[in-house]
PDB file of N, CA and C in Angstrom:
ATOM      1  N   UNK A   1       0.744  -1.092   0.077  1.00  0.00           N
ATOM      2  CA  UNK A   1      -0.063  -0.060   0.314  1.00  0.00           C
ATOM      3  C   UNK A   1       1.040   1.441   0.070  1.00  0.00           C
ATOM      4  N   UNK A   2       0.226   2.197  -0.685  1.00  0.00           N
ATOM      5  CA  UNK A   2       1.300   3.493  -1.107  1.00  0.00           C
ATOM      6  C   UNK A   2       0.564   4.571  -0.585  1.00  0.00           C
ATOM      7  N   UNK A   3       1.541   5.823  -0.187  1.00  0.00           N
ATOM      8  CA  UNK A   3       0.429   6.880   0.158  1.00  0.00           C
ATOM      9  C   UNK A   3      -0.419   7.333  -1.018  1.00  0.00           C
ATOM     10  N   UNK A   4      -0.324   6.979  -2.403  1.00  0.00           N
ATOM     11  CA  UNK A   4      -1.485   7.811  -2.947  1.00  0.00           C
ATOM     12  C   UNK A   4      -2.919   6.778  -2.751  1.00  0.00           C
ATOM     13  N   UNK A   5      -2.396   5.455  -2.244  1.00  0.00           N
ATOM     14  CA  UNK A   5      -3.330   4.586  -2.279  1.00  0.00           C
ATOM     15  C   UNK A   5      -4.501   5.481  -0.667  1.00  0.00           C
ATOM     16  N   UNK A   6      -3.915   5.402   0.269  1.00  0.00           N
ATOM     17  CA  UNK A   6      -4.363   6.529   1.232  1.00  0.00           C
ATOM     18  C   UNK A   6      -5.232   7.475   1.047  1.00  0.00           C
ATOM     19  N   UNK A   7      -4.445   8.471   0.194  1.00  0.00           N
ATOM     20  CA  UNK A   7      -4.795   9.739  -0.407  1.00  0.00           C
ATOM     21  C   UNK A   7      -6.257   9.301  -1.030  1.00  0.00           C
ATOM     22  N   UNK A   8      -6.140   8.351  -1.647  1.00  0.00           N
ATOM     23  CA  UNK A   8      -7.494   7.945  -2.714  1.00  0.00           C
ATOM     24  C   UNK A   8      -8.394   7.488  -1.929  1.00  0.00           C
ATOM     25  N   UNK A   9      -8.158   6.777  -0.882  1.00  0.00           N
ATOM     26  CA  UNK A   9      -9.439   6.239   0.039  1.00  0.00           C
ATOM     27  C   UNK A   9      -9.691   7.375   0.829  1.00  0.00           C
ATOM     28  N   UNK A  10      -9.160   8.512   1.207  1.00  0.00           N
ATOM     29  CA  UNK A  10      -9.400   9.872   1.880  1.00  0.00           C
ATOM     30  C   UNK A  10     -10.483  10.792   1.203  1.00  0.00           C
ATOM     31  N   UNK A  11     -10.280  10.590  -0.391  1.00  0.00           N
ATOM     32  CA  UNK A  11     -10.895  11.280  -1.047  1.00  0.00           C
ATOM     33  C   UNK A  11     -12.599  10.784  -1.377  1.00  0.00           C
ATOM     34  N   UNK A  12     -12.327   9.245  -1.289  1.00  0.00           N
ATOM     35  CA  UNK A  12     -13.618   8.483  -1.689  1.00  0.00           C
ATOM     36  C   UNK A  12     -14.666   9.007  -0.284  1.00  0.00           C
ATOM     37  N   UNK A  13     -13.812   9.118   0.694  1.00  0.00           N
ATOM     38  CA  UNK A  13     -14.288   9.220   2.061  1.00  0.00           C
ATOM     39  C   UNK A  13     -14.934  10.622   2.309  1.00  0.00           C
ATOM     40  N   UNK A  14     -14.498  11.364   1.266  1.00  0.00           N
ATOM     41  CA  UNK A  14     -14.711  12.932   1.391  1.00  0.00           C
ATOM     42  C   UNK A  14     -13.965  13.477   2.765  1.00  0.00           C
ATOM     43  N   UNK A  15     -12.793  13.068   3.091  1.00  0.00           N
ATOM     44  CA  UNK A  15     -12.179  13.600   4.369  1.00  0.00           C
ATOM     45  C   UNK A  15     -11.028  13.932   3.884  1.00  0.00           C
ATOM     46  N   UNK A  16     -10.610  15.251   4.701  1.00  0.00           N
ATOM     47  CA  UNK A  16      -9.080  15.926   4.458  1.00  0.00           C
ATOM     48  C   UNK A  16      -8.267  15.250   5.618  1.00  0.00           C
ATOM     49  N   UNK A  17      -7.218  15.151   5.155  1.00  0.00           N
ATOM     50  CA  UNK A  17      -6.098  14.653   6.165  1.00  0.00           C
ATOM     51  C   UNK A  17      -4.559  15.258   5.874  1.00  0.00           C
ATOM     52  N   UNK A  18      -3.991  15.281   7.118  1.00  0.00           N
ATOM     53  CA  UNK A  18      -3.014  16.368   6.960  1.00  0.00           C
ATOM     54  C   UNK A  18      -1.589  15.159   6.427  1.00  0.00           C
ATOM     55  N   UNK A  19      -0.713  15.658   6.004  1.00  0.00           N
ATOM     56  CA  UNK A  19       0.708  14.669   5.642  1.00  0.00           C
ATOM     57  C   UNK A  19       0.712  13.834   6.657  1.00  0.00           C
ATOM     58  N   UNK A  20       0.762  14.408   7.940  1.00  0.00           N
ATOM     59  CA  UNK A  20       1.278  13.435   8.750  1.00  0.00           C
ATOM     60  C   UNK A  20       0.263  12.310   9.364  1.00  0.00           C
ATOM     61  N   UNK A  21      -1.032  12.692   9.118  1.00  0.00           N
ATOM     62  CA  UNK A  21      -1.949  11.603   9.396  1.00  0.00           C
ATOM     63  C   UNK A  21      -2.118  10.547   8.361  1.00  0.00           C
ATOM     64  N   UNK A  22      -1.933  11.197   7.023  1.00  0.00           N
ATOM     65  CA  UNK A  22      -1.651  10.199   5.870  1.00  0.00           C
ATOM     66  C   UNK A  22      -0.624   9.073   6.153  1.00  0.00           C
ATOM     67  N   UNK A  23       0.469   9.660   6.746  1.00  0.00           N
ATOM     68  CA  UNK A  23       1.578   8.409   6.956  1.00  0.00           C
ATOM     69  C   UNK A  23       1.495   7.646   8.204  1.00  0.00           C
ATOM     70  N   UNK A  24       0.408   8.275   9.017  1.00  0.00           N
ATOM     71  CA  UNK A  24       0.060   7.148  10.304  1.00  0.00           C
ATOM     72  C   UNK A  24      -0.623   6.452   9.769  1.00  0.00           C
ATOM     73  N   UNK A  25      -1.794   6.702   8.905  1.00  0.00           N
ATOM     74  CA  UNK A  25      -2.571   5.670   8.379  1.00  0.00           C
ATOM     75  C   UNK A  25      -1.999   4.829   7.509  1.00  0.00           C
ATOM     76  N   UNK A  26      -0.978   5.266   6.883  1.00  0.00           N
ATOM     77  CA  UNK A  26      -0.530   4.233   5.697  1.00  0.00           C
ATOM     78  C   UNK A  26       0.676   2.719   7.043  1.00  0.00           C
ATOM     79  N   UNK A  27       1.125   3.509   8.008  1.00  0.00           N
ATOM     80  CA  UNK A  27       2.105   2.925   8.708  1.00  0.00           C
ATOM     81  C   UNK A  27       0.769   1.644   9.328  1.00  0.00           C
ATOM     82  N   UNK A  28      -0.240   2.162  10.190  1.00  0.00           N
ATOM     83  CA  UNK A  28      -1.242   1.220  10.461  1.00  0.00           C
ATOM     84  C   UNK A  28      -1.783   0.468   9.285  1.00  0.00           C
ATOM     85  N   UNK A  29      -1.869   0.665   8.407  1.00  0.00           N
ATOM     86  CA  UNK A  29      -2.613  -0.142   7.305  1.00  0.00           C
ATOM     87  C   UNK A  29      -1.454  -1.058   6.997  1.00  0.00           C
ATOM     88  N   UNK A  30      -0.361  -0.839   6.865  1.00  0.00           N
ATOM     89  CA  UNK A  30       0.972  -1.517   6.681  1.00  0.00           C
ATOM     90  C   UNK A  30       0.887  -2.989   7.901  1.00  0.00           C
ATOM     91  N   UNK A  31       0.853  -2.308   9.080  1.00  0.00           N
ATOM     92  CA  UNK A  31       0.776  -3.506  10.034  1.00  0.00           C
ATOM     93  C   UNK A  31      -0.395  -4.162  10.006  1.00  0.00           C
ATOM     94  N   UNK A  32      -1.634  -3.525   9.837  1.00  0.00           N
ATOM     95  CA  UNK A  32      -2.832  -4.762   9.351  1.00  0.00           C
ATOM     96  C   UNK A  32      -2.774  -5.319   8.352  1.00  0.00           C
ATOM     97  N   UNK A  33      -1.955  -4.946   7.195  1.00  0.00           N
ATOM     98  CA  UNK A  33      -1.978  -5.895   6.025  1.00  0.00           C
ATOM     99  C   UNK A  33      -0.622  -7.332   6.726  1.00  0.00           C
ATOM    100  N   UNK A  34       0.127  -6.722   7.348  1.00  0.00           N
ATOM    101  CA  UNK A  34       1.567  -7.514   7.920  1.00  0.00           C
ATOM    102  C   UNK A  34       0.618  -8.822   8.925  1.00  0.00           C
ATOM    103  N   UNK A  35      -0.181  -8.566   9.167  1.00  0.00           N
ATOM    104  CA  UNK A  35      -0.745  -9.154  10.190  1.00  0.00           C
ATOM    105  C   UNK A  35      -2.161 -10.289   9.680  1.00  0.00           C
ATOM    106  N   UNK A  36      -2.371  -9.613   8.239  1.00  0.00           N
ATOM    107  CA  UNK A  36      -3.438 -10.469   7.926  1.00  0.00           C
ATOM    108  C   UNK A  36      -2.412 -11.606   7.108  1.00  0.00           C
ATOM    109  N   UNK A  37      -1.307 -11.170   6.636  1.00  0.00           N
ATOM    110  CA  UNK A  37      -0.421 -11.921   5.687  1.00  0.00           C
ATOM    111  C   UNK A  37      -0.255 -13.176   6.499  1.00  0.00           C
ATOM    112  N   UNK A  38       0.477 -12.885   7.977  1.00  0.00           N
ATOM    113  CA  UNK A  38       0.865 -13.834   8.789  1.00  0.00           C
ATOM    114  C   UNK A  38      -0.510 -14.638   9.009  1.00  0.00           C
ATOM    115  N   UNK A  39      -1.669 -14.316   8.947  1.00  0.00           N
ATOM    116  CA  UNK A  39      -2.470 -15.497   9.268  1.00  0.00           C
ATOM    117  C   UNK A  39      -2.817 -16.208   8.078  1.00  0.00           C
ATOM    118  N   UNK A  40      -2.643 -15.708   6.907  1.00  0.00           N
ATOM    119  CA  UNK A  40      -2.793 -16.452   5.822  1.00  0.00           C
ATOM    120  C   UNK A  40      -1.468 -17.503   5.705  1.00  0.00           C
ATOM    121  N   UNK A  41      -0.481 -17.510   6.388  1.00  0.00           N
ATOM    122  CA  UNK A  41       0.682 -18.438   6.316  1.00  0.00           C
ATOM    123  C   UNK A  41       0.457 -19.530   7.119  1.00  0.00           C
ATOM    124  N   UNK A  42      -0.297 -19.365   8.330  1.00  0.00           N
ATOM    125  CA  UNK A  42      -0.707 -20.476   8.906  1.00  0.00           C
ATOM    126  C   UNK A  42      -1.212 -21.569   8.045  1.00  0.00           C
ATOM    127  N   UNK A  43      -0.600 -23.067   8.535  1.00  0.00           N
ATOM    128  CA  UNK A  43      -1.014 -23.948   8.098  1.00  0.00           C
ATOM    129  C   UNK A  43      -2.120 -25.116   9.044  1.00  0.00           C
ATOM    130  N   UNK A  44      -3.005 -24.971   8.387  1.00  0.00           N
ATOM    131  CA  UNK A  44      -4.565 -25.232   8.859  1.00  0.00           C
ATOM    132  C   UNK A  44      -4.480 -26.700   8.237  1.00  0.00           C
ATOM    133  N   UNK A  45      -4.563 -27.762   9.088  1.00  0.00           N
ATOM    134  CA  UNK A  45      -5.199 -29.246   8.470  1.00  0.00           C
ATOM    135  C   UNK A  45      -5.945 -29.571   7.955  1.00  0.00           C
ATOM    136  N   UNK A  46      -6.818 -30.315   7.303  1.00  0.00           N
ATOM    137  CA  UNK A  46      -8.112 -30.395   6.845  1.00  0.00           C
ATOM    138  C   UNK A  46      -9.059 -30.700   8.052  1.00  0.00           C
ATOM    139  N   UNK A  47     -10.004 -29.796   7.914  1.00  0.00           N
ATOM    140  CA  UNK A  47     -10.760 -29.845   9.209  1.00  0.00           C
ATOM    141  C   UNK A  47     -12.152 -30.284   8.759  1.00  0.00           C
ATOM    142  N   UNK A  48     -12.937 -31.266   9.108  1.00  0.00           N
ATOM    143  CA  UNK A  48     -14.471 -31.542   8.803  1.00  0.00           C
ATOM    144  C   UNK A  48     -15.221 -30.558   8.987  1.00  0.00           C
ATOM    145  N   UNK A  49     -15.829 -29.558   8.656  1.00  0.00           N
ATOM    146  CA  UNK A  49     -16.996 -28.775   9.275  1.00  0.00           C
ATOM    147  C   UNK A  49     -18.209 -29.502   9.145  1.00  0.00           C
ATOM    148  N   UNK A  50     -18.643 -29.383  10.532  1.00  0.00           N
ATOM    149  CA  UNK A  50     -20.223 -30.294  10.351  1.00  0.00           C
ATOM    150  C   UNK A  50     -21.209 -29.267  10.927  1.00  0.00           C
ATOM    151  N   UNK A  51     -22.281 -29.194  10.083  1.00  0.00           N
ATOM    152  CA  UNK A  51     -23.212 -27.912  10.547  1.00  0.00           C
ATOM    153  C   UNK A  51     -24.449 -28.913  10.831  1.00  0.00           C
ATOM    154  N   UNK A  52     -25.026 -28.184  11.523  1.00  0.00           N
ATOM    155  CA  UNK A  52     -26.101 -28.827  12.317  1.00  0.00           C
ATOM    156  C   UNK A  52     -27.208 -27.964  11.723  1.00  0.00           C
ATOM    157  N   UNK A  53     -28.330 -28.182  10.990  1.00  0.00           N
ATOM    158  CA  UNK A  53     -29.132 -27.496  10.142  1.00  0.00           C
ATOM    159  C   UNK A  53     -30.658 -28.035  11.180  1.00  0.00           C
ATOM    160  N   UNK A  54     -31.213 -27.182  11.557  1.00  0.00           N
ATOM    161  CA  UNK A  54     -32.491 -27.302  12.183  1.00  0.00           C
ATOM    162  C   UNK A  54     -33.785 -26.527  11.877  1.00  0.00           C
ATOM    163  N   UNK A  55     -34.637 -26.807  11.896  1.00  0.00           N
ATOM    164  CA  UNK A  55     -35.791 -25.154  11.957  1.00  0.00           C
ATOM    165  C   UNK A  55     -36.231 -25.240  13.213  1.00  0.00           C
ATOM    166  N   UNK A  56     -36.384 -24.605  13.491  1.00  0.00           N
ATOM    167  CA  UNK A  56     -37.255 -23.744  15.335  1.00  0.00           C
ATOM    168  C   UNK A  56     -38.715 -23.276  14.762  1.00  0.00           C
ATOM    169  N   UNK A  57     -39.618 -24.223  14.753  1.00  0.00           N
ATOM    170  CA  UNK A  57     -40.971 -24.288  14.379  1.00  0.00           C
ATOM    171  C   UNK A  57     -41.710 -24.027  15.426  1.00  0.00           C
ATOM    172  N   UNK A  58     -42.612 -22.844  15.281  1.00  0.00           N
ATOM    173  CA  UNK A  58     -43.705 -23.106  16.388  1.00  0.00           C
ATOM    174  C   UNK A  58     -45.054 -22.899  15.706  1.00  0.00           C
ATOM    175  N   UNK A  59     -46.045 -22.960  16.214  1.00  0.00           N
ATOM    176  CA  UNK A  59     -47.338 -22.954  15.424  1.00  0.00           C
ATOM    177  C   UNK A  59     -47.798 -21.551  16.261  1.00  0.00           C
ATOM    178  N   UNK A  60     -48.612 -20.596  15.333  1.00  0.00           N
ATOM    179  CA  UNK A  60     -48.930 -19.375  15.681  1.00  0.00           C
ATOM    180  C   UNK A  60     -49.631 -19.401  16.676  1.00  0.00           C
ATOM    181  N   UNK A  61     -50.312 -18.655  17.752  1.00  0.00           N
ATOM    182  CA  UNK A  61     -50.732 -18.357  18.558  1.00  0.00           C
ATOM    183  C   UNK A  61     -51.483 -17.030  18.435  1.00  0.00           C
ATOM    184  N   UNK A  62     -52.782 -17.104  18.493  1.00  0.00           N
ATOM    185  CA  UNK A  62     -53.695 -16.017  18.082  1.00  0.00           C
ATOM    186  C   UNK A  62     -53.799 -15.523  19.759  1.00  0.00           C
ATOM    187  N   UNK A  63     -53.709 -14.431  19.965  1.00  0.00           N
ATOM    188  CA  UNK A  63     -53.732 -13.765  21.496  1.00  0.00           C
ATOM    189  C   UNK A  63     -55.213 -12.820  21.274  1.00  0.00           C
ATOM    190  N   UNK A  64     -56.197 -13.683  21.842  1.00  0.00           N
ATOM    191  CA  UNK A  64     -57.494 -12.412  22.065  1.00  0.00           C
ATOM    192  C   UNK A  64     -57.140 -11.258  22.871  1.00  0.00           C
ATOM    193  N   UNK A  65     -57.886  -9.862  22.118  1.00  0.00           N
ATOM    194  CA  UNK A  65     -57.611  -8.751  22.920  1.00  0.00           C
ATOM    195  C   UNK A  65     -59.261  -8.185  22.335  1.00  0.00           C
ATOM    196  N   UNK A  66     -59.721  -7.597  23.565  1.00  0.00           N
ATOM    197  CA  UNK A  66     -60.600  -6.376  23.404  1.00  0.00           C
ATOM    198  C   UNK A  66     -60.520  -5.245  23.055  1.00  0.00           C
ATOM    199  N   UNK A  67     -60.688  -5.095  21.693  1.00  0.00           N
ATOM    200  CA  UNK A  67     -60.550  -3.474  21.151  1.00  0.00           C
ATOM    201  C   UNK A  67     -61.844  -2.823  21.148  1.00  0.00           C
ATOM    202  N   UNK A  68     -62.282  -1.629  21.911  1.00  0.00           N
ATOM    203  CA  UNK A  68     -63.659  -1.180  21.481  1.00  0.00           C
ATOM    204  C   UNK A  68     -62.882   0.285  21.760  1.00  0.00           C
ATOM    205  N   UNK A  69     -63.726   1.156  20.923  1.00  0.00           N
ATOM    206  CA  UNK A  69     -63.768   2.502  20.700  1.00  0.00           C
ATOM    207  C   UNK A  69     -63.236   3.309  22.274  1.00  0.00           C
ATOM    208  N   UNK A  70     -64.509   2.872  22.944  1.00  0.00           N
ATOM    209  CA  UNK A  70     -64.437   3.702  24.372  1.00  0.00           C
ATOM    210  C   UNK A  70     -63.353   2.859  25.225  1.00  0.00           C
ATOM    211  N   UNK A  71     -62.949   2.085  25.148  1.00  0.00           N
ATOM    212  CA  UNK A  71     -61.730   1.472  25.794  1.00  0.00           C
ATOM    213  C   UNK A  71     -60.160   2.719  25.361  1.00  0.00           C
ATOM    214  N   UNK A  72     -60.298   2.517  23.944  1.00  0.00           N
ATOM    215  CA  UNK A  72     -59.238   3.261  23.441  1.00  0.00           C
ATOM    216  C   UNK A  72     -59.462   4.679  23.655  1.00  0.00           C
ATOM    217  N   UNK A  73     -60.560   5.296  23.367  1.00  0.00           N
ATOM    218  CA  UNK A  73     -60.608   6.709  23.816  1.00  0.00           C
ATOM    219  C   UNK A  73     -60.245   7.214  24.943  1.00  0.00           C
ATOM    220  N   UNK A  74     -60.583   6.327  25.852  1.00  0.00           N
ATOM    221  CA  UNK A  74     -60.210   6.500  27.540  1.00  0.00           C
ATOM    222  C   UNK A  74     -58.926   6.961  27.784  1.00  0.00           C
ATOM    223  N   UNK A  75     -58.044   6.164  26.932  1.00  0.00           N
ATOM    224  CA  UNK A  75     -56.440   6.400  27.128  1.00  0.00           C
ATOM    225  C   UNK A  75     -56.044   7.658  26.826  1.00  0.00           C
ATOM    226  N   UNK A  76     -56.860   8.045  25.995  1.00  0.00           N
ATOM    227  CA  UNK A  76     -55.997   9.370  25.379  1.00  0.00           C
ATOM    228  C   UNK A  76     -56.580  10.981  25.767  1.00  0.00           C
ATOM    229  N   UNK A  77     -56.090  12.049  26.203  1.00  0.00           N
ATOM    230  CA  UNK A  77     -56.510  13.466  26.921  1.00  0.00           C
ATOM    231  C   UNK A  77     -57.392  14.082  26.109  1.00  0.00           C
ATOM    232  N   UNK A  78     -57.327  13.859  24.882  1.00  0.00           N
ATOM    233  CA  UNK A  78     -58.097  14.576  24.037  1.00  0.00           C
ATOM    234  C   UNK A  78     -58.894  13.619  22.779  1.00  0.00           C
ATOM    235  N   UNK A  79     -60.306  13.509  22.315  1.00  0.00           N
ATOM    236  CA  UNK A  79     -60.472  12.873  21.319  1.00  0.00           C
ATOM    237  C   UNK A  79     -62.085  13.690  20.947  1.00  0.00           C
ATOM    238  N   UNK A  80     -62.343  13.512  19.931  1.00  0.00           N
ATOM    239  CA  UNK A  80     -63.707  14.186  19.059  1.00  0.00           C
ATOM    240  C   UNK A  80     -64.421  13.167  18.118  1.00  0.00           C
ATOM    241  N   UNK A  81     -65.475  13.059  18.547  1.00  0.00           N
ATOM    242  CA  UNK A  81     -66.368  12.185  17.579  1.00  0.00           C
ATOM    243  C   UNK A  81     -65.580  10.881  17.224  1.00  0.00           C
ATOM    244  N   UNK A  82     -65.148  10.305  18.239  1.00  0.00           N
ATOM    245  CA  UNK A  82     -64.782   8.742  18.210  1.00  0.00           C
ATOM    246  C   UNK A  82     -63.469   8.709  17.144  1.00  0.00           C
ATOM    247  N   UNK A  83     -62.902   9.795  17.291  1.00  0.00           N
ATOM    248  CA  UNK A  83     -61.436  10.106  17.064  1.00  0.00           C
ATOM    249  C   UNK A  83     -60.213  10.733  18.093  1.00  0.00           C
ATOM    250  N   UNK A  84     -59.065  10.108  17.811  1.00  0.00           N
ATOM    251  CA  UNK A  84     -58.031  10.514  19.117  1.00  0.00           C
ATOM    252  C   UNK A  84     -57.429  12.037  18.420  1.00  0.00           C
ATOM    253  N   UNK A  85     -57.511  13.027  19.197  1.00  0.00           N
ATOM    254  CA  UNK A  85     -56.676  14.368  18.550  1.00  0.00           C
ATOM    255  C   UNK A  85     -55.413  14.149  19.051  1.00  0.00           C
ATOM    256  N   UNK A  86     -54.392  14.361  18.208  1.00  0.00           N
ATOM    257  CA  UNK A  86     -53.005  14.746  18.698  1.00  0.00           C
ATOM    258  C   UNK A  86     -52.494  16.017  18.150  1.00  0.00           C
ATOM    259  N   UNK A  87     -51.522  16.222  18.816  1.00  0.00           N
ATOM    260  CA  UNK A  87     -50.710  17.411  18.322  1.00  0.00           C
ATOM    261  C   UNK A  87     -50.241  17.684  16.719  1.00  0.00           C
ATOM    262  N   UNK A  88     -50.390  18.627  16.017  1.00  0.00           N
ATOM    263  CA  UNK A  88     -50.036  19.054  14.849  1.00  0.00           C
ATOM    264  C   UNK A  88     -48.268  18.848  14.544  1.00  0.00           C
ATOM    265  N   UNK A  89     -48.089  17.916  13.687  1.00  0.00           N
ATOM    266  CA  UNK A  89     -46.316  17.840  13.663  1.00  0.00           C
ATOM    267  C   UNK A  89     -46.067  18.233  12.360  1.00  0.00           C
ATOM    268  N   UNK A  90     -44.983  19.270  12.186  1.00  0.00           N
ATOM    269  CA  UNK A  90     -44.621  19.881  11.101  1.00  0.00           C
ATOM    270  C   UNK A  90     -43.595  18.993  10.583  1.00  0.00           C
TER     271      UNK A  90
END
């Protein structure tokens, strides 16, 4: 990774970086890429991957509720002609 790559990323992200910040990010990115390369070099023997697939299935349950106009309107401070009155939102 080079300094021009950092500048390109900064431009795509629409951020302004000082030269010092660019160099620090470049050093950080080099460290990250070196770590990823180190992980890639690890020899992993063939491992058999086992997946357990199962469905979590349940029956739908209907919950009975009593909805009546009077009960709902009694919960609100303002109502008119069986409608709930609320503040105007702009």
